[in-house]
C-alpha atoms as a PDB file:
ATOM      1  CA  MET A   1      24.465  -2.029  11.083  1.00  0.00           C
ATOM      2  CA  ASN A   2      22.142  -2.154  14.103  1.00  0.00           C
ATOM      3  CA  GLN A   3      22.675   1.586  14.668  1.00  0.00           C
ATOM      4  CA  GLU A   4      21.745   2.258  11.043  1.00  0.00           C
ATOM      5  CA  ILE A   5      18.574   0.151  11.292  1.00  0.00           C
ATOM      6  CA  LYS A   6      17.462   2.075  14.390  1.00  0.00           C
ATOM      7  CA  LYS A   7      17.208   5.237  12.300  1.00  0.00           C
ATOM      8  CA  VAL A   8      14.787   3.672   9.813  1.00  0.00           C
ATOM      9  CA  LYS A   9      13.078   1.130  12.064  1.00  0.00           C
ATOM     10  CA  LEU A  10       9.552   2.601  11.973  1.00  0.00           C
ATOM     11  CA  GLY A  11       9.557   2.933   8.189  1.00  0.00           C
ATOM     12  CA  LEU A  12      10.948  -0.581   7.858  1.00  0.00           C
ATOM     13  CA  PHE A  13       8.230  -1.856  10.203  1.00  0.00           C
ATOM     14  CA  LEU A  14       5.529  -0.260   8.014  1.00  0.00           C
ATOM     15  CA  VAL A  15       7.052  -1.850   4.920  1.00  0.00           C
ATOM     16  CA  MET A  16       7.207  -5.263   6.594  1.00  0.00           C
ATOM     17  CA  LEU A  17       3.534  -4.919   7.608  1.00  0.00           C
ATOM     18  CA  THR A  18       2.702  -4.203   3.976  1.00  0.00           C
ATOM     19  CA  LEU A  19       4.649  -7.267   2.877  1.00  0.00           C
ATOM     20  CA  VAL A  20       2.889  -9.480   5.428  1.00  0.00           C
ATOM     21  CA  PHE A  21      -0.473  -8.040   4.317  1.00  0.00           C
ATOM     22  CA  GLY A  22       0.262  -8.824   0.665  1.00  0.00           C
ATOM     23  CA  ILE A  23       1.508 -12.334   1.380  1.00  0.00           C
ATOM     24  CA  SER A  24      -1.474 -12.990   3.668  1.00  0.00           C
ATOM     25  CA  LEU A  25      -3.890 -11.924   0.949  1.00  0.00           C
ATOM     26  CA  GLY A  26      -2.210 -14.289  -1.496  1.00  0.00           C
ATOM     27  CA  ALA A  27      -2.348 -17.142   0.993  1.00  0.00           C
ATOM     28  CA  GLY A  28      -5.959 -16.312   1.798  1.00  0.00           C
ATOM     29  CA  PHE A  29      -6.876 -16.401  -1.877  1.00  0.00           C
ATOM     30  CA  GLY A  30      -5.154 -19.749  -2.243  1.00  0.00           C
ATOM     31  CA  ILE A  31      -6.964 -21.194   0.753  1.00  0.00           C
ATOM     32  CA  ALA A  32     -10.391 -19.590   0.378  1.00  0.00           C
ATOM     33  CA  GLU A  33     -10.791 -18.077  -3.100  1.00  0.00           C
ATOM     34  CA  ASP A  34     -14.338 -19.408  -3.352  1.00  0.00           C
ATOM     35  CA  THR A  35     -15.268 -17.733  -0.063  1.00  0.00           C
ATOM     36  CA  VAL A  36     -13.889 -14.404  -1.295  1.00  0.00           C
ATOM     37  CA  LYS A  37     -15.775 -14.716  -4.571  1.00  0.00           C
ATOM     38  CA  SER A  38     -18.949 -15.667  -2.676  1.00  0.00           C
ATOM     39  CA  TYR A  39     -18.609 -12.515  -0.561  1.00  0.00           C
ATOM     40  CA  ILE A  40     -18.526 -10.516  -3.775  1.00  0.00           C
ATOM     41  CA  SER A  41     -21.387 -12.303  -5.534  1.00  0.00           C
ATOM     42  CA  ASN A  42     -23.601 -12.211  -2.429  1.00  0.00           C
ATOM     43  CA  GLY A  43     -23.090  -8.460  -2.129  1.00  0.00           C
ATOM     44  CA  VAL A  44     -23.723  -7.889  -5.820  1.00  0.00           C
ATOM     45  CA  SER A  45     -26.886 -10.025  -5.652  1.00  0.00           C
ATOM     46  CA  ALA A  46     -28.128  -8.135  -2.590  1.00  0.00           C
ATOM     47  CA  HIS A  47     -27.710  -4.761  -4.336  1.00  0.00           C
ATOM     48  CA  PRO A  48     -28.514  -5.332  -8.029  1.00  0.00           C
ATOM     49  CA  ALA A  49     -29.337  -1.675  -8.712  1.00  0.00           C
ATOM     50  CA  LEU A  50     -25.730  -0.748  -7.919  1.00  0.00           C
ATOM     51  CA  HIS A  51     -24.072  -3.290 -10.187  1.00  0.00           C
ATOM     52  CA  ASP A  52     -23.710  -4.429 -13.777  1.00  0.00           C
ATOM     53  CA  ALA A  53     -22.614  -7.675 -15.417  1.00  0.00           C
ATOM     54  CA  ASN A  54     -18.939  -6.823 -14.865  1.00  0.00           C
ATOM     55  CA  SER A  55     -19.153  -6.127 -11.130  1.00  0.00           C
ATOM     56  CA  ASN A  56     -18.169  -9.579  -9.874  1.00  0.00           C
ATOM     57  CA  SER A  57     -14.996  -9.764 -11.944  1.00  0.00           C
ATOM     58  CA  LYS A  58     -14.035  -6.133 -11.370  1.00  0.00           C
ATOM     59  CA  ILE A  59     -14.471  -6.357  -7.596  1.00  0.00           C
ATOM     60  CA  TRP A  60     -12.457  -9.589  -7.548  1.00  0.00           C
ATOM     61  CA  ARG A  61      -9.784  -7.669  -9.447  1.00  0.00           C
ATOM     62  CA  TYR A  62      -9.731  -5.037  -6.656  1.00  0.00           C
ATOM     63  CA  ALA A  63      -8.803  -7.773  -4.178  1.00  0.00           C
ATOM     64  CA  GLN A  64      -6.082  -9.046  -6.495  1.00  0.00           C
ATOM     65  CA  ARG A  65      -4.716  -5.528  -6.963  1.00  0.00           C
ATOM     66  CA  ALA A  66      -4.479  -5.114  -3.190  1.00  0.00           C
ATOM     67  CA  HIS A  67      -2.324  -8.263  -3.105  1.00  0.00           C
ATOM     68  CA  PHE A  68      -0.178  -7.323  -6.118  1.00  0.00           C
ATOM     69  CA  HIS A  69       0.400  -3.747  -4.993  1.00  0.00           C
ATOM     70  CA  ALA A  70       1.158  -4.712  -1.387  1.00  0.00           C
ATOM     71  CA  THR A  71       3.830  -7.235  -2.314  1.00  0.00           C
ATOM     72  CA  GLY A  72       5.289  -5.091  -5.092  1.00  0.00           C
ATOM     73  CA  ILE A  73       5.430  -1.843  -3.149  1.00  0.00           C
ATOM     74  CA  ALA A  74       6.858  -3.618  -0.103  1.00  0.00           C
ATOM     75  CA  ALA A  75       9.557  -5.306  -2.190  1.00  0.00           C
ATOM     76  CA  PHE A  76      10.942  -2.139  -3.737  1.00  0.00           C
ATOM     77  CA  SER A  77      10.377  -0.123  -0.553  1.00  0.00           C
ATOM     78  CA  ILE A  78      12.740  -2.443   1.325  1.00  0.00           C
ATOM     79  CA  GLY A  79      15.388  -1.528  -1.229  1.00  0.00           C
ATOM     80  CA  LEU A  80      14.614   2.172  -0.883  1.00  0.00           C
ATOM     81  CA  ILE A  81      14.926   1.978   2.890  1.00  0.00           C
ATOM     82  CA  VAL A  82      18.302   0.251   2.558  1.00  0.00           C
ATOM     83  CA  LEU A  83      19.361   3.200   0.385  1.00  0.00           C
ATOM     84  CA  VAL A  84      18.058   5.583   3.060  1.00  0.00           C
ATOM     85  CA  MET A  85      20.054   3.705   5.731  1.00  0.00           C
ATOM     86  CA  PHE A  86      23.334   4.155   3.902  1.00  0.00           C
ATOM     87  CA  SER A  87      22.654   7.585   2.411  1.00  0.00           C
ATOM     88  CA  SER A  88      24.241  10.810   3.635  1.00  0.00           C
ATOM     89  CA  LEU A  89      20.882  12.078   4.946  1.00  0.00           C
ATOM     90  CA  LYS A  90      20.857  13.617   8.410  1.00  0.00           C
ATOM     91  CA  ASP A  91      19.574  11.122  10.966  1.00  0.00           C
ATOM     92  CA  CYS A  92      16.238  12.914  11.423  1.00  0.00           C
ATOM     93  CA  TRP A  93      15.776  12.975   7.642  1.00  0.00           C
ATOM     94  CA  LYS A  94      16.533   9.241   7.501  1.00  0.00           C
ATOM     95  CA  LYS A  95      13.817   8.579  10.052  1.00  0.00           C
ATOM     96  CA  TYR A  96      11.157  10.680   8.330  1.00  0.00           C
ATOM     97  CA  THR A  97      12.084   9.571   4.817  1.00  0.00           C
ATOM     98  CA  ALA A  98      11.807   5.919   5.854  1.00  0.00           C
ATOM     99  CA  ILE A  99       8.410   6.607   7.433  1.00  0.00           C
ATOM    100  CA  LEU A 100       7.195   8.353   4.277  1.00  0.00           C
ATOM    101  CA  ILE A 101       8.338   5.407   2.169  1.00  0.00           C
ATOM    102  CA  GLY A 102       6.614   3.060   4.632  1.00  0.00           C
ATOM    103  CA  LEU A 103       3.373   5.009   4.210  1.00  0.00           C
ATOM    104  CA  GLY A 104       3.346   3.730   0.636  1.00  0.00           C
ATOM    105  CA  GLY A 105       1.780   0.625   2.156  1.00  0.00           C
ATOM    106  CA  LEU A 106      -1.461   2.560   2.562  1.00  0.00           C
ATOM    107  CA  TYR A 107      -2.002   2.529  -1.202  1.00  0.00           C
ATOM    108  CA  PRO A 108      -2.721  -1.232  -1.413  1.00  0.00           C
ATOM    109  CA  LEU A 109      -5.206  -0.735   1.421  1.00  0.00           C
ATOM    110  CA  SER A 110      -7.151   1.603  -0.866  1.00  0.00           C
ATOM    111  CA  TRP A 111      -7.652  -1.310  -3.283  1.00  0.00           C
ATOM    112  CA  PHE A 112      -8.619  -3.513  -0.361  1.00  0.00           C
ATOM    113  CA  SER A 113     -11.164  -0.965   0.866  1.00  0.00           C
ATOM    114  CA  MET A 114     -12.706  -0.851  -2.625  1.00  0.00           C
ATOM    115  CA  PHE A 115     -12.956  -4.648  -2.561  1.00  0.00           C
ATOM    116  CA  VAL A 116     -14.636  -4.598   0.871  1.00  0.00           C
ATOM    117  CA  LEU A 117     -16.995  -1.694   0.135  1.00  0.00           C
ATOM    118  CA  ALA A 118     -17.965  -2.256  -3.504  1.00  0.00           C
ATOM    119  CA  PRO A 119     -20.367  -5.192  -3.061  1.00  0.00           C
ATOM    120  CA  SER A 120     -22.592  -3.139  -0.750  1.00  0.00           C
ATOM    121  CA  ILE A 121     -22.247   0.415  -2.109  1.00  0.00           C
ATOM    122  CA  GLY A 122     -21.264  -0.107  -5.753  1.00  0.00           C
ATOM    123  CA  ARG A 123     -17.946   0.194  -7.562  1.00  0.00           C
ATOM    124  CA  ASN A 124     -18.071   3.930  -8.224  1.00  0.00           C
ATOM    125  CA  ALA A 125     -19.062   4.791  -4.653  1.00  0.00           C
ATOM    126  CA  ALA A 126     -16.335   2.494  -3.290  1.00  0.00           C
ATOM    127  CA  HIS A 127     -13.779   4.133  -5.571  1.00  0.00           C
ATOM    128  CA  HIS A 128     -14.710   7.608  -4.314  1.00  0.00           C
ATOM    129  CA  HIS A 129     -15.300   6.671  -0.670  1.00  0.00           C
ATOM    130  CA  ILE A 130     -13.421   8.883   1.792  1.00  0.00           C
ATOM    131  CA  ILE A 131     -11.534   5.902   3.245  1.00  0.00           C
ATOM    132  CA  THR A 132     -10.387   4.778  -0.193  1.00  0.00           C
ATOM    133  CA  GLU A 133      -9.289   8.250  -1.205  1.00  0.00           C
ATOM    134  CA  VAL A 134      -7.450   9.018   2.050  1.00  0.00           C
ATOM    135  CA  LEU A 135      -5.569   5.717   1.837  1.00  0.00           C
ATOM    136  CA  ALA A 136      -4.690   6.274  -1.819  1.00  0.00           C
ATOM    137  CA  TYR A 137      -3.560   9.889  -1.453  1.00  0.00           C
ATOM    138  CA  CYS A 138      -1.601   9.339   1.773  1.00  0.00           C
ATOM    139  CA  GLY A 139       0.016   6.180   0.415  1.00  0.00           C
ATOM    140  CA  VAL A 140       1.030   7.580  -2.959  1.00  0.00           C
ATOM    141  CA  GLY A 141       1.870  11.007  -1.543  1.00  0.00           C
ATOM    142  CA  GLY A 142       4.024   9.604   1.247  1.00  0.00           C
ATOM    143  CA  LEU A 143       5.866   7.253  -1.072  1.00  0.00           C
ATOM    144  CA  LEU A 144       6.514   9.951  -3.680  1.00  0.00           C
ATOM    145  CA  LEU A 145       7.664  12.456  -1.066  1.00  0.00           C
ATOM    146  CA  GLY A 146       9.992   9.859   0.470  1.00  0.00           C
ATOM    147  CA  ILE A 147      11.451   8.993  -2.936  1.00  0.00           C
ATOM    148  CA  THR A 148      11.844  12.706  -3.722  1.00  0.00           C
ATOM    149  CA  ILE A 149      13.769  13.389  -0.497  1.00  0.00           C
ATOM    150  CA  LEU A 150      15.983  10.342  -1.046  1.00  0.00           C
ATOM    151  CA  SER A 151      16.622  11.308  -4.677  1.00  0.00           C
ATOM    152  CA  ALA A 152      17.412  14.904  -3.698  1.00  0.00           C
ATOM    153  CA  ASN A 153      19.999  13.558  -1.279  1.00  0.00           C
ATOM    154  CA  LEU A 154      21.507  10.955  -3.590  1.00  0.00           C
ATOM    155  CA  PHE A 155      21.672  13.082  -6.738  1.00  0.00           C
ATOM    156  CA  LEU A 156      21.753  16.684  -5.504  1.00  0.00           C
ATOM    157  CA  GLY A 157      23.465  16.330  -2.124  1.00  0.00           C
ATOM    158  CA  MET A 158      20.558  17.860  -0.217  1.00  0.00           C
ATOM    159  CA  PHE A 159      19.634  17.186   3.443  1.00  0.00           C
ATOM    160  CA  GLN A 160      23.137  15.871   4.248  1.00  0.00           C
ATOM    161  CA  ASN A 161      24.976  15.598   7.520  1.00  0.00           C
ATOM    162  CA  ASP A 162      27.298  18.567   7.901  1.00  0.00           C
END
């Protein structure tokens, strides 16, 4: 088992970081929800030209989505990495597939970046900010590519050990 984990260790580490991030956000909301909401309302108040009546609730929702996506993606990614561990993928493919799956943890960070940026630059600008887009595309792209490689191995016998 330890030998199998070594092959996917970096991907598993990325997934565990995502899980810790999601749990930490949830704990932070439980401990300091008012502080988070104050951060949002202070930013919206400081930049009224960039916001509308829905900004406070929508930006708060970005923070919640970061939490929901981090815990959800991490939970199913652990299962995917277990499948990678015991698949017939070549060892190098196991390593890279696990890393790609682990990169899925970047997607929740895109929601978090929108939450952080939106109070000061507006919701639309935060949504299209280069940081947000890079995190979203790398996270979703990595996860989908990892799932595709794993599926190709499991269902089509591709990338196998000889």
